[in-house]
N, C-alpha and C. Protein backbone atom coordinates (compact mmCIF):
# COMPACT_ATOMS: atom_id res chain seq x y z
N MET A 1 45.68 -0.99 1.15
CA MET A 1 44.23 -1.59 1.65
C MET A 1 43.19 -0.68 0.68
N THR A 2 42.10 -1.46 0.32
CA THR A 2 41.26 -0.72 -0.43
C THR A 2 39.88 -0.17 0.32
N ALA A 3 39.37 0.99 -0.02
CA ALA A 3 38.37 1.68 0.77
C ALA A 3 37.01 0.56 0.55
N LEU A 4 36.35 0.54 1.50
CA LEU A 4 35.00 -0.18 1.35
C LEU A 4 34.08 0.50 0.65
N ALA A 5 33.27 0.04 -0.28
CA ALA A 5 32.25 0.73 -1.09
C ALA A 5 31.07 0.86 -0.14
N PRO A 6 30.48 2.11 -0.21
CA PRO A 6 29.34 2.31 0.61
C PRO A 6 28.19 1.21 0.53
N ALA A 7 27.46 1.16 1.37
CA ALA A 7 26.38 0.11 1.49
C ALA A 7 25.38 0.56 0.34
N ALA A 8 24.82 -0.56 -0.19
CA ALA A 8 23.94 -0.21 -1.27
C ALA A 8 22.69 0.58 -0.87
N ALA A 9 22.18 0.33 0.35
CA ALA A 9 21.07 0.80 0.94
C ALA A 9 21.27 2.46 0.85
N SER A 10 22.46 2.92 1.15
CA SER A 10 22.77 4.39 1.37
C SER A 10 22.64 5.03 0.03
N ALA A 11 22.58 4.41 -1.09
CA ALA A 11 22.46 4.91 -2.34
C ALA A 11 20.91 5.16 -2.78
N VAL A 12 20.10 4.39 -1.97
CA VAL A 12 18.53 4.45 -2.13
C VAL A 12 18.00 5.60 -1.53
N ARG A 13 17.44 6.36 -2.34
CA ARG A 13 16.75 7.77 -1.50
C ARG A 13 15.51 7.34 -0.78
N THR A 14 15.38 7.66 0.41
CA THR A 14 14.22 7.51 1.17
C THR A 14 13.07 8.15 0.54
N ASP A 15 11.91 7.67 1.03
CA ASP A 15 10.77 8.46 0.52
C ASP A 15 10.66 9.88 0.78
N LEU A 16 11.06 10.19 2.20
CA LEU A 16 11.08 11.68 2.48
C LEU A 16 12.01 12.50 1.73
N GLN A 17 13.05 11.86 1.24
CA GLN A 17 14.08 12.58 0.28
C GLN A 17 13.36 12.76 -1.09
N GLN A 18 12.55 11.77 -1.50
CA GLN A 18 11.97 11.61 -2.77
C GLN A 18 10.83 12.73 -2.65
N LEU A 19 10.11 12.91 -1.60
CA LEU A 19 9.08 13.78 -1.70
C LEU A 19 9.42 15.26 -1.54
N GLN A 20 10.78 15.66 -1.30
CA GLN A 20 11.14 16.93 -1.32
C GLN A 20 11.02 17.83 -2.49
N GLY A 21 10.31 19.03 -2.50
CA GLY A 21 10.12 19.84 -3.59
C GLY A 21 8.62 20.08 -3.61
N VAL A 22 8.19 20.51 -5.15
CA VAL A 22 6.92 21.05 -5.41
C VAL A 22 6.33 19.98 -6.09
N TRP A 23 4.86 19.62 -5.76
CA TRP A 23 4.18 18.66 -6.66
C TRP A 23 2.87 19.41 -7.00
N THR A 24 2.26 19.06 -8.16
CA THR A 24 1.14 19.56 -8.59
C THR A 24 0.12 18.50 -8.99
N SER A 25 -1.14 18.65 -8.57
CA SER A 25 -2.06 17.58 -8.76
C SER A 25 -2.32 17.42 -10.31
N VAL A 26 -2.49 16.15 -10.85
CA VAL A 26 -2.85 15.96 -12.27
C VAL A 26 -4.18 15.22 -12.44
N ALA A 27 -4.66 14.77 -11.28
CA ALA A 27 -5.85 14.02 -11.22
C ALA A 27 -6.53 13.97 -9.87
N GLY A 28 -7.92 14.03 -9.82
CA GLY A 28 -8.46 14.08 -8.55
C GLY A 28 -9.73 15.20 -8.49
N PRO A 29 -10.44 15.24 -7.52
CA PRO A 29 -11.46 16.12 -7.45
C PRO A 29 -11.14 17.57 -7.10
N ARG A 30 -10.00 17.81 -6.52
CA ARG A 30 -9.73 19.27 -6.47
C ARG A 30 -8.22 19.42 -6.98
N GLU A 31 -8.01 20.61 -7.66
CA GLU A 31 -6.66 21.05 -8.01
C GLU A 31 -5.90 21.41 -6.68
N ALA A 32 -4.58 21.02 -6.57
CA ALA A 32 -3.77 21.26 -5.54
C ALA A 32 -2.26 21.51 -5.94
N ARG A 33 -1.57 22.10 -4.96
CA ARG A 33 0.05 21.92 -4.95
C ARG A 33 0.28 21.59 -3.52
N LEU A 34 1.51 20.83 -3.47
CA LEU A 34 2.18 20.36 -2.42
C LEU A 34 3.55 20.59 -2.39
N LEU A 35 4.03 21.43 -1.17
CA LEU A 35 5.49 21.83 -1.25
C LEU A 35 6.10 21.07 0.10
N VAL A 36 7.03 20.13 -0.11
CA VAL A 36 7.71 19.54 0.98
C VAL A 36 9.12 19.93 1.13
N ALA A 37 9.42 20.44 2.33
CA ALA A 37 10.78 20.89 2.53
C ALA A 37 11.33 20.32 3.92
N GLY A 38 12.09 19.48 4.08
CA GLY A 38 12.37 18.78 5.15
C GLY A 38 11.27 17.91 5.56
N HIS A 39 10.96 18.11 6.96
CA HIS A 39 9.86 17.63 7.56
C HIS A 39 8.48 18.48 7.52
N ARG A 40 8.56 19.57 6.82
CA ARG A 40 7.57 20.77 6.80
C ARG A 40 6.76 20.52 5.46
N PHE A 41 5.53 20.80 5.58
CA PHE A 41 4.63 20.96 4.27
C PHE A 41 3.99 21.94 4.20
N THR A 42 3.57 22.35 2.98
CA THR A 42 2.51 23.36 2.56
C THR A 42 1.52 22.81 1.45
N PHE A 43 0.21 22.62 1.70
CA PHE A 43 -0.64 22.16 0.88
C PHE A 43 -1.68 23.25 0.67
N GLU A 44 -1.61 23.52 -0.74
CA GLU A 44 -2.47 24.64 -1.19
C GLU A 44 -3.59 24.06 -2.20
N PHE A 45 -4.86 24.18 -2.00
CA PHE A 45 -5.95 23.86 -2.84
C PHE A 45 -5.96 25.18 -3.79
N THR A 46 -6.11 25.21 -5.11
CA THR A 46 -6.33 26.14 -5.80
C THR A 46 -7.60 27.13 -5.56
N ASP A 47 -8.62 26.47 -4.91
CA ASP A 47 -9.63 27.23 -4.51
C ASP A 47 -9.66 27.98 -3.32
N GLY A 48 -8.34 28.00 -2.59
CA GLY A 48 -7.96 28.81 -1.54
C GLY A 48 -7.68 28.23 -0.25
N ASP A 49 -8.04 27.11 0.05
CA ASP A 49 -7.77 26.46 1.31
C ASP A 49 -6.21 26.15 1.35
N LEU A 50 -5.55 26.52 2.40
CA LEU A 50 -4.13 26.43 2.68
C LEU A 50 -3.91 25.62 4.00
N TYR A 51 -2.93 24.75 3.87
CA TYR A 51 -2.62 24.05 5.18
C TYR A 51 -1.14 23.88 5.01
N MET A 52 -0.61 24.16 6.43
CA MET A 52 0.99 24.07 6.58
C MET A 52 1.14 23.34 7.93
N GLY A 53 2.16 22.58 8.04
CA GLY A 53 2.65 21.78 9.28
C GLY A 53 3.73 21.05 8.94
N THR A 54 3.82 20.06 9.77
CA THR A 54 4.86 18.87 9.72
C THR A 54 4.33 17.54 9.43
N LEU A 55 5.36 16.78 8.74
CA LEU A 55 4.91 15.41 8.41
C LEU A 55 5.93 14.35 8.90
N ALA A 56 5.33 13.24 9.20
CA ALA A 56 6.13 12.09 9.40
C ALA A 56 6.05 10.99 8.33
N VAL A 57 6.83 10.20 7.73
CA VAL A 57 6.73 9.54 6.85
C VAL A 57 7.32 8.16 7.16
N THR A 58 6.64 7.05 6.76
CA THR A 58 6.97 5.81 6.90
C THR A 58 6.45 5.02 5.45
N PRO A 59 7.05 4.12 4.89
CA PRO A 59 6.64 3.65 3.63
C PRO A 59 5.14 3.36 3.77
N GLY A 60 4.60 4.15 2.69
CA GLY A 60 3.10 3.94 2.38
C GLY A 60 2.40 4.80 3.28
N ARG A 61 2.84 5.14 4.49
CA ARG A 61 2.09 5.98 5.37
C ARG A 61 2.66 7.43 5.55
N MET A 62 1.77 8.45 5.86
CA MET A 62 1.95 9.69 6.08
C MET A 62 1.26 10.32 7.17
N ASP A 63 1.76 10.98 7.95
CA ASP A 63 0.89 11.62 9.00
C ASP A 63 1.28 12.94 9.07
N MET A 64 0.37 13.76 8.70
CA MET A 64 0.41 15.21 8.58
C MET A 64 -0.20 15.98 9.61
N HIS A 65 0.54 16.75 10.47
CA HIS A 65 0.19 17.60 11.82
C HIS A 65 -0.13 18.88 11.19
N ILE A 66 -1.42 19.37 11.14
CA ILE A 66 -1.78 20.50 10.72
C ILE A 66 -1.52 21.72 11.64
N GLU A 67 -0.63 22.45 11.40
CA GLU A 67 -0.37 23.58 12.29
C GLU A 67 -1.25 24.81 12.00
N GLU A 68 -1.39 25.04 10.57
CA GLU A 68 -1.98 26.41 10.30
C GLU A 68 -2.97 25.72 9.14
N GLY A 69 -4.13 26.34 9.21
CA GLY A 69 -5.00 26.10 7.98
C GLY A 69 -6.42 26.35 8.53
N PRO A 70 -7.52 26.01 7.90
CA PRO A 70 -8.79 26.15 8.49
C PRO A 70 -9.07 25.77 9.74
N ALA A 71 -9.85 26.76 10.62
CA ALA A 71 -9.92 26.47 12.05
C ALA A 71 -10.28 25.20 12.41
N LYS A 72 -11.28 24.58 11.73
CA LYS A 72 -11.61 23.34 12.04
C LYS A 72 -10.55 22.11 12.07
N HIS A 73 -9.59 22.37 11.26
CA HIS A 73 -8.58 21.45 11.06
C HIS A 73 -7.23 21.55 11.80
N ALA A 74 -7.16 22.89 12.22
CA ALA A 74 -5.75 23.39 12.87
C ALA A 74 -5.46 22.58 14.16
N GLY A 75 -4.08 22.13 14.33
CA GLY A 75 -3.93 21.41 15.55
C GLY A 75 -4.35 19.82 15.46
N LEU A 76 -4.80 19.43 14.43
CA LEU A 76 -5.24 18.06 14.22
C LEU A 76 -4.13 17.20 13.22
N VAL A 77 -4.16 15.96 13.31
CA VAL A 77 -3.32 15.09 12.65
C VAL A 77 -4.10 14.36 11.66
N THR A 78 -3.65 14.29 10.22
CA THR A 78 -4.24 13.47 9.30
C THR A 78 -3.57 12.39 8.95
N ARG A 79 -4.14 11.28 9.05
CA ARG A 79 -3.30 9.99 8.73
C ARG A 79 -3.58 9.66 7.30
N CYS A 80 -2.60 9.68 6.38
CA CYS A 80 -2.71 9.48 4.99
C CYS A 80 -2.04 8.29 4.36
N LEU A 81 -2.49 7.92 3.34
CA LEU A 81 -1.98 6.86 2.47
C LEU A 81 -1.22 7.39 1.27
N TYR A 82 -0.05 6.93 0.94
CA TYR A 82 0.68 7.55 -0.26
C TYR A 82 1.62 6.49 -0.98
N SER A 83 1.87 6.61 -2.17
CA SER A 83 2.50 5.80 -2.98
C SER A 83 3.29 6.67 -3.95
N LEU A 84 4.66 6.47 -3.83
CA LEU A 84 5.64 7.08 -4.83
C LEU A 84 6.17 6.15 -5.83
N ASP A 85 5.96 6.66 -7.23
CA ASP A 85 6.55 5.84 -8.60
C ASP A 85 7.12 6.94 -9.10
N GLY A 86 8.52 7.07 -8.83
CA GLY A 86 9.18 8.06 -9.76
C GLY A 86 8.77 9.43 -9.42
N GLY A 87 8.46 10.24 -10.38
CA GLY A 87 7.93 11.59 -10.22
C GLY A 87 6.50 11.67 -10.00
N VAL A 88 5.78 10.52 -9.69
CA VAL A 88 4.24 10.42 -9.47
C VAL A 88 4.08 10.11 -7.91
N LEU A 89 3.06 10.81 -7.41
CA LEU A 89 2.52 10.61 -6.10
C LEU A 89 1.20 10.47 -5.94
N ARG A 90 0.69 9.24 -5.47
CA ARG A 90 -0.69 9.06 -5.01
C ARG A 90 -0.84 9.37 -3.75
N TRP A 91 -1.92 9.92 -3.32
CA TRP A 91 -2.16 10.49 -1.94
C TRP A 91 -3.61 10.52 -1.62
N CYS A 92 -3.97 10.07 -0.58
CA CYS A 92 -5.20 10.12 -0.01
C CYS A 92 -5.32 10.23 1.62
N PRO A 93 -5.95 11.25 2.11
CA PRO A 93 -5.89 11.50 3.43
C PRO A 93 -6.97 10.85 4.22
N GLY A 94 -6.85 10.61 5.40
CA GLY A 94 -8.15 10.13 6.32
C GLY A 94 -8.71 11.35 6.83
N LYS A 95 -9.68 11.27 7.64
CA LYS A 95 -10.36 12.64 8.12
C LYS A 95 -9.57 13.19 9.17
N PRO A 96 -9.10 14.41 9.10
CA PRO A 96 -8.37 15.13 10.17
C PRO A 96 -8.77 14.88 11.55
N GLY A 97 -7.80 14.62 12.47
CA GLY A 97 -8.24 14.31 13.85
C GLY A 97 -8.69 12.87 14.07
N SER A 98 -8.81 11.95 12.98
CA SER A 98 -9.21 10.55 13.23
C SER A 98 -7.90 9.71 13.17
N ASP A 99 -7.81 8.62 13.99
CA ASP A 99 -6.88 7.66 13.99
C ASP A 99 -7.00 6.83 12.86
N ARG A 100 -7.91 6.96 11.95
CA ARG A 100 -8.05 6.04 10.89
C ARG A 100 -7.47 6.43 9.68
N ARG A 101 -6.61 5.47 8.93
CA ARG A 101 -6.10 5.78 7.68
C ARG A 101 -6.63 5.01 6.69
N PRO A 102 -6.80 5.40 5.60
CA PRO A 102 -7.42 4.65 4.27
C PRO A 102 -6.59 3.43 4.35
N VAL A 103 -7.25 2.32 3.98
CA VAL A 103 -6.34 1.13 3.66
C VAL A 103 -6.08 0.96 2.16
N GLU A 104 -6.71 1.50 1.28
CA GLU A 104 -6.41 1.39 -0.04
C GLU A 104 -6.73 2.73 -0.60
N PHE A 105 -6.36 2.83 -2.03
CA PHE A 105 -6.52 4.01 -2.63
C PHE A 105 -7.87 4.01 -3.41
N PRO A 106 -8.68 4.80 -3.11
CA PRO A 106 -10.07 4.73 -3.84
C PRO A 106 -9.76 5.55 -5.20
N SER A 107 -10.74 5.34 -6.01
CA SER A 107 -10.61 5.96 -7.33
C SER A 107 -10.49 7.57 -7.30
N VAL A 108 -9.89 8.31 -7.98
CA VAL A 108 -9.81 9.75 -8.00
C VAL A 108 -11.15 10.32 -8.45
N ASP A 109 -12.10 9.53 -8.90
CA ASP A 109 -13.48 9.97 -9.27
C ASP A 109 -14.42 9.74 -8.06
N ASP A 110 -13.98 9.07 -7.07
CA ASP A 110 -14.89 8.77 -5.90
C ASP A 110 -15.41 10.09 -5.23
N PRO A 111 -16.50 10.49 -5.16
CA PRO A 111 -16.83 11.60 -4.50
C PRO A 111 -16.66 11.53 -2.95
N LYS A 112 -16.55 10.37 -2.39
CA LYS A 112 -16.62 10.10 -0.98
C LYS A 112 -15.27 10.40 -0.44
N HIS A 113 -14.25 10.42 -1.27
CA HIS A 113 -12.77 10.55 -0.82
C HIS A 113 -12.12 11.64 -1.56
N LEU A 114 -11.12 12.19 -0.98
CA LEU A 114 -10.13 13.08 -1.54
C LEU A 114 -8.93 12.15 -1.85
N SER A 115 -8.90 11.80 -3.22
CA SER A 115 -7.91 10.98 -3.52
C SER A 115 -7.24 11.76 -4.84
N LEU A 116 -5.89 12.26 -4.57
CA LEU A 116 -5.22 12.93 -5.65
C LEU A 116 -3.84 12.29 -6.21
N VAL A 117 -3.61 12.68 -7.33
CA VAL A 117 -2.41 12.08 -7.98
C VAL A 117 -1.64 13.38 -8.32
N PHE A 118 -0.35 13.54 -7.86
CA PHE A 118 0.44 14.64 -8.24
C PHE A 118 1.55 14.27 -9.15
N ARG A 119 2.09 15.22 -9.68
CA ARG A 119 3.42 15.01 -10.54
C ARG A 119 4.53 16.05 -10.10
N LYS A 120 5.82 15.70 -9.84
CA LYS A 120 6.69 16.42 -9.24
C LYS A 120 7.12 17.43 -10.42
N VAL A 121 7.20 18.80 -9.79
CA VAL A 121 7.61 19.87 -10.75
C VAL A 121 9.09 19.67 -10.84
N THR A 122 9.75 19.76 -12.17
CA THR A 122 11.03 19.62 -12.22
C THR A 122 11.58 21.03 -12.54
N ARG A 123 12.82 21.39 -11.79
CA ARG A 123 13.35 22.71 -12.07
C ARG A 123 13.87 22.98 -13.50
N ARG A 124 13.66 23.98 -13.96
CA ARG A 124 14.32 24.26 -15.34
C ARG A 124 15.75 24.58 -15.21
N LYS A 125 16.50 24.24 -16.18
CA LYS A 125 18.12 24.43 -15.99
C LYS A 125 18.57 25.50 -16.78
């Protein structure tokens, strides 16, 4: 009797699996680094702001619960829009504490929105 081949879907990495690791911004109004480990994140803006917490991901949507960060944002959830394309992540948050999520990606040059593009940092072998 032959062994059954694993389902094709099991070979596809989930978005959460693809998000694991370190990301650095390559476009947008603020330079930042994002670290994702399991369901935890650390988001560091190079100008000093640091956010840490947990995240929940469904395709195209990311909810970030801010556990640590600037006092006005700590304890709030930010509803984000994201898109993954290989080693590139587009990300745009809604206002912390609001139930509203962006419905489309604004330009990275739009001063009304924080829209960032990240590239995944690859490990050196």
